[in-house]
Amino acid sequence: MLNRAGSASSLKKAVYLTASTILGILLSFIAHAFIEMSYLRWADSQGLIVPFYGGCALTPQIQIGLLVAGTVGGFLFGHWGWRKVYGG
């Protein structure tokens, strides 16, 4: 179960992919906040009335799209990083 330092194992890969996926989700929340703040500032400068969807100004499709993009992007980044670090 325990391998020498620097060697790859299935548990190590699972933890690596899980951590990178969580990182992608967290980054998607940060992107969501910046997009929503920018949209609200722009709408305020134009004098527009913004509809809210459950406390969020972005439509549910955009919210789900950002979450899916963060999840998939984090997972793919984990695969790419795994190959870079462990060569496999």
PDB file of N, CA and C in Angstrom:
ATOM      1  N   MET A   1       0.822  -1.185   0.000  1.00  0.00           N
ATOM      2  CA  MET A   1       0.000   0.000   0.000  1.00  0.00           C
ATOM      3  C   MET A   1       0.873   1.258   0.000  1.00  0.00           C
ATOM      4  N   LEU A   2       1.876   1.293   0.850  1.00  0.00           N
ATOM      5  CA  LEU A   2       2.753   2.457   0.888  1.00  0.00           C
ATOM      6  C   LEU A   2       3.880   2.264  -0.113  1.00  0.00           C
ATOM      7  N   ASN A   3       4.019   3.206  -0.975  1.00  0.00           N
ATOM      8  CA  ASN A   3       5.074   3.169  -1.981  1.00  0.00           C
ATOM      9  C   ASN A   3       6.168   4.149  -1.589  1.00  0.00           C
ATOM     10  N   ARG A   4       7.276   4.056  -2.266  1.00  0.00           N
ATOM     11  CA  ARG A   4       8.356   4.997  -1.986  1.00  0.00           C
ATOM     12  C   ARG A   4       7.928   6.407  -2.386  1.00  0.00           C
ATOM     13  N   ALA A   5       8.605   7.377  -1.862  1.00  0.00           N
ATOM     14  CA  ALA A   5       8.256   8.774  -2.123  1.00  0.00           C
ATOM     15  C   ALA A   5       8.327   9.070  -3.611  1.00  0.00           C
ATOM     16  N   GLY A   6       7.332   9.777  -4.116  1.00  0.00           N
ATOM     17  CA  GLY A   6       7.320  10.165  -5.517  1.00  0.00           C
ATOM     18  C   GLY A   6       6.696   9.147  -6.444  1.00  0.00           C
ATOM     19  N   SER A   7       6.347   7.975  -5.944  1.00  0.00           N
ATOM     20  CA  SER A   7       5.728   6.984  -6.822  1.00  0.00           C
ATOM     21  C   SER A   7       4.217   7.152  -6.816  1.00  0.00           C
ATOM     22  N   ALA A   8       3.602   6.729  -7.881  1.00  0.00           N
ATOM     23  CA  ALA A   8       2.167   6.890  -8.048  1.00  0.00           C
ATOM     24  C   ALA A   8       1.428   5.704  -7.456  1.00  0.00           C
ATOM     25  N   SER A   9       0.270   5.967  -6.879  1.00  0.00           N
ATOM     26  CA  SER A   9      -0.620   4.911  -6.418  1.00  0.00           C
ATOM     27  C   SER A   9      -2.044   5.323  -6.750  1.00  0.00           C
ATOM     28  N   SER A  10      -2.959   4.362  -6.716  1.00  0.00           N
ATOM     29  CA  SER A  10      -4.339   4.678  -7.074  1.00  0.00           C
ATOM     30  C   SER A  10      -4.986   5.593  -6.037  1.00  0.00           C
ATOM     31  N   LEU A  11      -4.649   5.431  -4.753  1.00  0.00           N
ATOM     32  CA  LEU A  11      -5.191   6.312  -3.726  1.00  0.00           C
ATOM     33  C   LEU A  11      -4.670   7.733  -3.905  1.00  0.00           C
ATOM     34  N   LYS A  12      -3.395   7.848  -4.198  1.00  0.00           N
ATOM     35  CA  LYS A  12      -2.790   9.166  -4.410  1.00  0.00           C
ATOM     36  C   LYS A  12      -3.441   9.861  -5.608  1.00  0.00           C
ATOM     37  N   LYS A  13      -3.700   9.097  -6.670  1.00  0.00           N
ATOM     38  CA  LYS A  13      -4.326   9.677  -7.852  1.00  0.00           C
ATOM     39  C   LYS A  13      -5.759  10.112  -7.542  1.00  0.00           C
ATOM     40  N   ALA A  14      -6.493   9.317  -6.772  1.00  0.00           N
ATOM     41  CA  ALA A  14      -7.868   9.683  -6.411  1.00  0.00           C
ATOM     42  C   ALA A  14      -7.892  10.961  -5.586  1.00  0.00           C
ATOM     43  N   VAL A  15      -6.987  11.084  -4.640  1.00  0.00           N
ATOM     44  CA  VAL A  15      -6.916  12.291  -3.820  1.00  0.00           C
ATOM     45  C   VAL A  15      -6.522  13.494  -4.676  1.00  0.00           C
ATOM     46  N   TYR A  16      -5.584  13.308  -5.580  1.00  0.00           N
ATOM     47  CA  TYR A  16      -5.121  14.377  -6.464  1.00  0.00           C
ATOM     48  C   TYR A  16      -6.262  14.867  -7.353  1.00  0.00           C
ATOM     49  N   LEU A  17      -6.999  13.937  -7.949  1.00  0.00           N
ATOM     50  CA  LEU A  17      -8.115  14.319  -8.822  1.00  0.00           C
ATOM     51  C   LEU A  17      -9.250  14.964  -8.029  1.00  0.00           C
ATOM     52  N   THR A  18      -9.517  14.453  -6.838  1.00  0.00           N
ATOM     53  CA  THR A  18     -10.562  15.049  -5.997  1.00  0.00           C
ATOM     54  C   THR A  18     -10.185  16.473  -5.600  1.00  0.00           C
ATOM     55  N   ALA A  19      -8.946  16.670  -5.200  1.00  0.00           N
ATOM     56  CA  ALA A  19      -8.502  18.008  -4.794  1.00  0.00           C
ATOM     57  C   ALA A  19      -8.539  18.986  -5.964  1.00  0.00           C
ATOM     58  N   SER A  20      -8.135  18.538  -7.140  1.00  0.00           N
ATOM     59  CA  SER A  20      -8.164  19.445  -8.296  1.00  0.00           C
ATOM     60  C   SER A  20      -9.595  19.742  -8.726  1.00  0.00           C
ATOM     61  N   THR A  21     -10.498  18.782  -8.585  1.00  0.00           N
ATOM     62  CA  THR A  21     -11.903  19.026  -8.905  1.00  0.00           C
ATOM     63  C   THR A  21     -12.507  20.027  -7.931  1.00  0.00           C
ATOM     64  N   ILE A  22     -12.204  19.881  -6.656  1.00  0.00           N
ATOM     65  CA  ILE A  22     -12.693  20.843  -5.656  1.00  0.00           C
ATOM     66  C   ILE A  22     -12.119  22.233  -5.928  1.00  0.00           C
ATOM     67  N   LEU A  23     -10.865  22.295  -6.319  1.00  0.00           N
ATOM     68  CA  LEU A  23     -10.265  23.582  -6.684  1.00  0.00           C
ATOM     69  C   LEU A  23     -11.004  24.212  -7.863  1.00  0.00           C
ATOM     70  N   GLY A  24     -11.340  23.411  -8.869  1.00  0.00           N
ATOM     71  CA  GLY A  24     -12.090  23.928 -10.008  1.00  0.00           C
ATOM     72  C   GLY A  24     -13.453  24.462  -9.605  1.00  0.00           C
ATOM     73  N   ILE A  25     -14.133  23.763  -8.691  1.00  0.00           N
ATOM     74  CA  ILE A  25     -15.442  24.222  -8.209  1.00  0.00           C
ATOM     75  C   ILE A  25     -15.293  25.532  -7.453  1.00  0.00           C
ATOM     76  N   LEU A  26     -14.291  25.627  -6.596  1.00  0.00           N
ATOM     77  CA  LEU A  26     -14.072  26.875  -5.851  1.00  0.00           C
ATOM     78  C   LEU A  26     -13.748  28.037  -6.784  1.00  0.00           C
ATOM     79  N   LEU A  27     -12.944  27.779  -7.803  1.00  0.00           N
ATOM     80  CA  LEU A  27     -12.640  28.841  -8.774  1.00  0.00           C
ATOM     81  C   LEU A  27     -13.876  29.245  -9.572  1.00  0.00           C
ATOM     82  N   SER A  28     -14.778  28.297  -9.819  1.00  0.00           N
ATOM     83  CA  SER A  28     -16.015  28.652 -10.533  1.00  0.00           C
ATOM     84  C   SER A  28     -16.902  29.545  -9.672  1.00  0.00           C
ATOM     85  N   PHE A  29     -16.883  29.348  -8.340  1.00  0.00           N
ATOM     86  CA  PHE A  29     -17.642  30.234  -7.448  1.00  0.00           C
ATOM     87  C   PHE A  29     -17.053  31.642  -7.462  1.00  0.00           C
ATOM     88  N   ILE A  30     -15.735  31.739  -7.506  1.00  0.00           N
ATOM     89  CA  ILE A  30     -15.096  33.052  -7.578  1.00  0.00           C
ATOM     90  C   ILE A  30     -15.427  33.727  -8.905  1.00  0.00           C
ATOM     91  N   ALA A  31     -15.378  32.962 -10.009  1.00  0.00           N
ATOM     92  CA  ALA A  31     -15.743  33.517 -11.314  1.00  0.00           C
ATOM     93  C   ALA A  31     -17.200  33.961 -11.314  1.00  0.00           C
ATOM     94  N   HIS A  32     -18.067  33.170 -10.704  1.00  0.00           N
ATOM     95  CA  HIS A  32     -19.488  33.511 -10.608  1.00  0.00           C
ATOM     96  C   HIS A  32     -19.653  34.854  -9.895  1.00  0.00           C
ATOM     97  N   ALA A  33     -18.945  35.042  -8.791  1.00  0.00           N
ATOM     98  CA  ALA A  33     -19.055  36.293  -8.040  1.00  0.00           C
ATOM     99  C   ALA A  33     -18.593  37.486  -8.877  1.00  0.00           C
ATOM    100  N   PHE A  34     -17.466  37.346  -9.563  1.00  0.00           N
ATOM    101  CA  PHE A  34     -16.974  38.457 -10.389  1.00  0.00           C
ATOM    102  C   PHE A  34     -17.903  38.758 -11.556  1.00  0.00           C
ATOM    103  N   ILE A  35     -18.438  37.735 -12.194  1.00  0.00           N
ATOM    104  CA  ILE A  35     -19.370  37.953 -13.312  1.00  0.00           C
ATOM    105  C   ILE A  35     -20.633  38.637 -12.814  1.00  0.00           C
ATOM    106  N   GLU A  36     -21.152  38.171 -11.685  1.00  0.00           N
ATOM    107  CA  GLU A  36     -22.380  38.769 -11.158  1.00  0.00           C
ATOM    108  C   GLU A  36     -22.157  40.212 -10.708  1.00  0.00           C
ATOM    109  N   MET A  37     -21.035  40.489 -10.058  1.00  0.00           N
ATOM    110  CA  MET A  37     -20.755  41.864  -9.642  1.00  0.00           C
ATOM    111  C   MET A  37     -20.620  42.781 -10.851  1.00  0.00           C
ATOM    112  N   SER A  38     -19.940  42.306 -11.879  1.00  0.00           N
ATOM    113  CA  SER A  38     -19.779  43.123 -13.089  1.00  0.00           C
ATOM    114  C   SER A  38     -21.115  43.377 -13.756  1.00  0.00           C
ATOM    115  N   TYR A  39     -21.939  42.346 -13.827  1.00  0.00           N
ATOM    116  CA  TYR A  39     -23.265  42.493 -14.438  1.00  0.00           C
ATOM    117  C   TYR A  39     -24.118  43.470 -13.644  1.00  0.00           C
ATOM    118  N   LEU A  40     -24.106  43.379 -12.323  1.00  0.00           N
ATOM    119  CA  LEU A  40     -24.916  44.282 -11.505  1.00  0.00           C
ATOM    120  C   LEU A  40     -24.435  45.721 -11.607  1.00  0.00           C
ATOM    121  N   ARG A  41     -23.117  45.923 -11.667  1.00  0.00           N
ATOM    122  CA  ARG A  41     -22.598  47.282 -11.843  1.00  0.00           C
ATOM    123  C   ARG A  41     -23.012  47.853 -13.196  1.00  0.00           C
ATOM    124  N   TRP A  42     -22.908  47.020 -14.236  1.00  0.00           N
ATOM    125  CA  TRP A  42     -23.291  47.473 -15.567  1.00  0.00           C
ATOM    126  C   TRP A  42     -24.788  47.786 -15.621  1.00  0.00           C
ATOM    127  N   ALA A  43     -25.612  46.903 -15.056  1.00  0.00           N
ATOM    128  CA  ALA A  43     -27.063  47.124 -15.068  1.00  0.00           C
ATOM    129  C   ALA A  43     -27.424  48.379 -14.281  1.00  0.00           C
ATOM    130  N   ASP A  44     -26.734  48.626 -13.181  1.00  0.00           N
ATOM    131  CA  ASP A  44     -26.994  49.824 -12.388  1.00  0.00           C
ATOM    132  C   ASP A  44     -26.616  51.078 -13.163  1.00  0.00           C
ATOM    133  N   SER A  45     -25.513  51.031 -13.889  1.00  0.00           N
ATOM    134  CA  SER A  45     -25.096  52.209 -14.665  1.00  0.00           C
ATOM    135  C   SER A  45     -26.041  52.485 -15.826  1.00  0.00           C
ATOM    136  N   GLN A  46     -26.712  51.442 -16.314  1.00  0.00           N
ATOM    137  CA  GLN A  46     -27.670  51.615 -17.398  1.00  0.00           C
ATOM    138  C   GLN A  46     -29.079  51.911 -16.891  1.00  0.00           C
ATOM    139  N   GLY A  47     -29.288  51.831 -15.587  1.00  0.00           N
ATOM    140  CA  GLY A  47     -30.599  52.074 -14.997  1.00  0.00           C
ATOM    141  C   GLY A  47     -31.579  50.938 -15.227  1.00  0.00           C
ATOM    142  N   LEU A  48     -31.070  49.725 -15.391  1.00  0.00           N
ATOM    143  CA  LEU A  48     -31.933  48.571 -15.649  1.00  0.00           C
ATOM    144  C   LEU A  48     -32.417  47.938 -14.348  1.00  0.00           C
ATOM    145  N   ILE A  49     -33.580  47.318 -14.415  1.00  0.00           N
ATOM    146  CA  ILE A  49     -34.098  46.545 -13.297  1.00  0.00           C
ATOM    147  C   ILE A  49     -33.652  45.104 -13.501  1.00  0.00           C
ATOM    148  N   VAL A  50     -33.001  44.543 -12.501  1.00  0.00           N
ATOM    149  CA  VAL A  50     -32.425  43.206 -12.620  1.00  0.00           C
ATOM    150  C   VAL A  50     -33.325  42.207 -11.910  1.00  0.00           C
ATOM    151  N   PRO A  51     -33.792  41.174 -12.625  1.00  0.00           N
ATOM    152  CA  PRO A  51     -34.549  40.110 -11.940  1.00  0.00           C
ATOM    153  C   PRO A  51     -33.592  39.193 -11.183  1.00  0.00           C
ATOM    154  N   PHE A  52     -34.013  38.741 -10.021  1.00  0.00           N
ATOM    155  CA  PHE A  52     -33.192  37.835  -9.230  1.00  0.00           C
ATOM    156  C   PHE A  52     -33.810  36.445  -9.244  1.00  0.00           C
ATOM    157  N   TYR A  53     -32.953  35.453  -9.315  1.00  0.00           N
ATOM    158  CA  TYR A  53     -33.355  34.052  -9.333  1.00  0.00           C
ATOM    159  C   TYR A  53     -32.860  33.400  -8.052  1.00  0.00           C
ATOM    160  N   GLY A  54     -33.684  33.423  -7.012  1.00  0.00           N
ATOM    161  CA  GLY A  54     -33.287  32.819  -5.744  1.00  0.00           C
ATOM    162  C   GLY A  54     -32.101  33.508  -5.102  1.00  0.00           C
ATOM    163  N   GLY A  55     -32.016  34.810  -5.192  1.00  0.00           N
ATOM    164  CA  GLY A  55     -30.924  35.550  -4.576  1.00  0.00           C
ATOM    165  C   GLY A  55     -29.728  35.760  -5.476  1.00  0.00           C
ATOM    166  N   CYS A  56     -29.840  35.373  -6.732  1.00  0.00           N
ATOM    167  CA  CYS A  56     -28.721  35.519  -7.673  1.00  0.00           C
ATOM    168  C   CYS A  56     -29.234  36.218  -8.929  1.00  0.00           C
ATOM    169  N   ALA A  57     -28.427  37.126  -9.459  1.00  0.00           N
ATOM    170  CA  ALA A  57     -28.839  37.864 -10.646  1.00  0.00           C
ATOM    171  C   ALA A  57     -28.613  37.088 -11.936  1.00  0.00           C
ATOM    172  N   LEU A  58     -27.770  36.063 -11.893  1.00  0.00           N
ATOM    173  CA  LEU A  58     -27.521  35.256 -13.092  1.00  0.00           C
ATOM    174  C   LEU A  58     -28.611  34.201 -13.247  1.00  0.00           C
ATOM    175  N   THR A  59     -28.929  33.899 -14.474  1.00  0.00           N
ATOM    176  CA  THR A  59     -29.969  32.894 -14.721  1.00  0.00           C
ATOM    177  C   THR A  59     -29.500  31.521 -14.247  1.00  0.00           C
ATOM    178  N   PRO A  60     -30.437  30.628 -13.935  1.00  0.00           N
ATOM    179  CA  PRO A  60     -30.045  29.284 -13.491  1.00  0.00           C
ATOM    180  C   PRO A  60     -29.183  28.541 -14.511  1.00  0.00           C
ATOM    181  N   GLN A  61     -29.400  28.775 -15.799  1.00  0.00           N
ATOM    182  CA  GLN A  61     -28.586  28.115 -16.817  1.00  0.00           C
ATOM    183  C   GLN A  61     -27.122  28.549 -16.718  1.00  0.00           C
ATOM    184  N   ILE A  62     -26.900  29.824 -16.495  1.00  0.00           N
ATOM    185  CA  ILE A  62     -25.533  30.324 -16.357  1.00  0.00           C
ATOM    186  C   ILE A  62     -24.909  29.807 -15.065  1.00  0.00           C
ATOM    187  N   GLN A  63     -25.689  29.778 -13.985  1.00  0.00           N
ATOM    188  CA  GLN A  63     -25.178  29.270 -12.714  1.00  0.00           C
ATOM    189  C   GLN A  63     -24.744  27.814 -12.842  1.00  0.00           C
ATOM    190  N   ILE A  64     -25.585  27.001 -13.450  1.00  0.00           N
ATOM    191  CA  ILE A  64     -25.266  25.579 -13.627  1.00  0.00           C
ATOM    192  C   ILE A  64     -24.098  25.422 -14.591  1.00  0.00           C
ATOM    193  N   GLY A  65     -24.076  26.227 -15.647  1.00  0.00           N
ATOM    194  CA  GLY A  65     -22.978  26.163 -16.608  1.00  0.00           C
ATOM    195  C   GLY A  65     -21.634  26.471 -15.971  1.00  0.00           C
ATOM    196  N   LEU A  66     -21.601  27.483 -15.099  1.00  0.00           N
ATOM    197  CA  LEU A  66     -20.354  27.817 -14.407  1.00  0.00           C
ATOM    198  C   LEU A  66     -19.920  26.692 -13.475  1.00  0.00           C
ATOM    199  N   LEU A  67     -20.878  26.086 -12.775  1.00  0.00           N
ATOM    200  CA  LEU A  67     -20.548  24.986 -11.872  1.00  0.00           C
ATOM    201  C   LEU A  67     -20.030  23.771 -12.645  1.00  0.00           C
ATOM    202  N   VAL A  68     -20.692  23.447 -13.747  1.00  0.00           N
ATOM    203  CA  VAL A  68     -20.245  22.312 -14.565  1.00  0.00           C
ATOM    204  C   VAL A  68     -18.875  22.598 -15.174  1.00  0.00           C
ATOM    205  N   ALA A  69     -18.677  23.819 -15.655  1.00  0.00           N
ATOM    206  CA  ALA A  69     -17.381  24.173 -16.241  1.00  0.00           C
ATOM    207  C   ALA A  69     -16.266  24.083 -15.200  1.00  0.00           C
ATOM    208  N   GLY A  70     -16.543  24.523 -13.980  1.00  0.00           N
ATOM    209  CA  GLY A  70     -15.541  24.426 -12.931  1.00  0.00           C
ATOM    210  C   GLY A  70     -15.233  22.990 -12.548  1.00  0.00           C
ATOM    211  N   THR A  71     -16.273  22.160 -12.478  1.00  0.00           N
ATOM    212  CA  THR A  71     -16.076  20.758 -12.124  1.00  0.00           C
ATOM    213  C   THR A  71     -15.287  20.023 -13.202  1.00  0.00           C
ATOM    214  N   VAL A  72     -15.723  20.153 -14.437  1.00  0.00           N
ATOM    215  CA  VAL A  72     -15.042  19.471 -15.546  1.00  0.00           C
ATOM    216  C   VAL A  72     -13.635  20.027 -15.735  1.00  0.00           C
ATOM    217  N   GLY A  73     -13.506  21.344 -15.660  1.00  0.00           N
ATOM    218  CA  GLY A  73     -12.191  21.959 -15.816  1.00  0.00           C
ATOM    219  C   GLY A  73     -11.220  21.521 -14.733  1.00  0.00           C
ATOM    220  N   GLY A  74     -11.684  21.441 -13.495  1.00  0.00           N
ATOM    221  CA  GLY A  74     -10.830  20.985 -12.408  1.00  0.00           C
ATOM    222  C   GLY A  74     -10.414  19.533 -12.579  1.00  0.00           C
ATOM    223  N   PHE A  75     -11.353  18.700 -13.024  1.00  0.00           N
ATOM    224  CA  PHE A  75     -11.037  17.284 -13.243  1.00  0.00           C
ATOM    225  C   PHE A  75     -10.023  17.113 -14.371  1.00  0.00           C
ATOM    226  N   LEU A  76     -10.237  17.841 -15.468  1.00  0.00           N
ATOM    227  CA  LEU A  76      -9.295  17.755 -16.582  1.00  0.00           C
ATOM    228  C   LEU A  76      -7.926  18.327 -16.209  1.00  0.00           C
ATOM    229  N   PHE A  77      -7.932  19.407 -15.427  1.00  0.00           N
ATOM    230  CA  PHE A  77      -6.668  19.963 -14.946  1.00  0.00           C
ATOM    231  C   PHE A  77      -5.942  18.949 -14.064  1.00  0.00           C
ATOM    232  N   GLY A  78      -6.701  18.201 -13.261  1.00  0.00           N
ATOM    233  CA  GLY A  78      -6.104  17.159 -12.432  1.00  0.00           C
ATOM    234  C   GLY A  78      -5.466  16.064 -13.259  1.00  0.00           C
ATOM    235  N   HIS A  79      -6.143  15.635 -14.327  1.00  0.00           N
ATOM    236  CA  HIS A  79      -5.556  14.627 -15.219  1.00  0.00           C
ATOM    237  C   HIS A  79      -4.285  15.156 -15.873  1.00  0.00           C
ATOM    238  N   TRP A  80      -4.321  16.391 -16.340  1.00  0.00           N
ATOM    239  CA  TRP A  80      -3.161  16.987 -16.978  1.00  0.00           C
ATOM    240  C   TRP A  80      -2.013  17.107 -15.975  1.00  0.00           C
ATOM    241  N   GLY A  81      -2.322  17.596 -14.787  1.00  0.00           N
ATOM    242  CA  GLY A  81      -1.291  17.752 -13.766  1.00  0.00           C
ATOM    243  C   GLY A  81      -0.723  16.415 -13.310  1.00  0.00           C
ATOM    244  N   TRP A  82      -1.573  15.388 -13.242  1.00  0.00           N
ATOM    245  CA  TRP A  82      -1.101  14.059 -12.851  1.00  0.00           C
ATOM    246  C   TRP A  82      -0.071  13.533 -13.849  1.00  0.00           C
ATOM    247  N   ARG A  83      -0.371  13.720 -15.133  1.00  0.00           N
ATOM    248  CA  ARG A  83       0.577  13.284 -16.155  1.00  0.00           C
ATOM    249  C   ARG A  83       1.878  14.068 -16.089  1.00  0.00           C
ATOM    250  N   LYS A  84       1.787  15.372 -15.796  1.00  0.00           N
ATOM    251  CA  LYS A  84       2.988  16.201 -15.694  1.00  0.00           C
ATOM    252  C   LYS A  84       3.850  15.793 -14.500  1.00  0.00           C
ATOM    253  N   VAL A  85       3.212  15.543 -13.374  1.00  0.00           N
ATOM    254  CA  VAL A  85       3.959  15.274 -12.154  1.00  0.00           C
ATOM    255  C   VAL A  85       4.447  13.825 -12.105  1.00  0.00           C
ATOM    256  N   TYR A  86       3.565  12.873 -12.445  1.00  0.00           N
ATOM    257  CA  TYR A  86       3.908  11.457 -12.284  1.00  0.00           C
ATOM    258  C   TYR A  86       4.160  10.732 -13.600  1.00  0.00           C
ATOM    259  N   GLY A  87       3.969  11.398 -14.717  1.00  0.00           N
ATOM    260  CA  GLY A  87       4.287  10.816 -16.016  1.00  0.00           C
ATOM    261  C   GLY A  87       3.431   9.644 -16.417  1.00  0.00           C
ATOM    262  N   GLY A  88       2.230   9.579 -15.942  1.00  0.00           N
ATOM    263  CA  GLY A  88       1.415   8.448 -16.326  1.00  0.00           C
ATOM    264  C   GLY A  88       0.012   8.758 -16.238  1.00  0.00           C
TER     265      GLY A  88
END
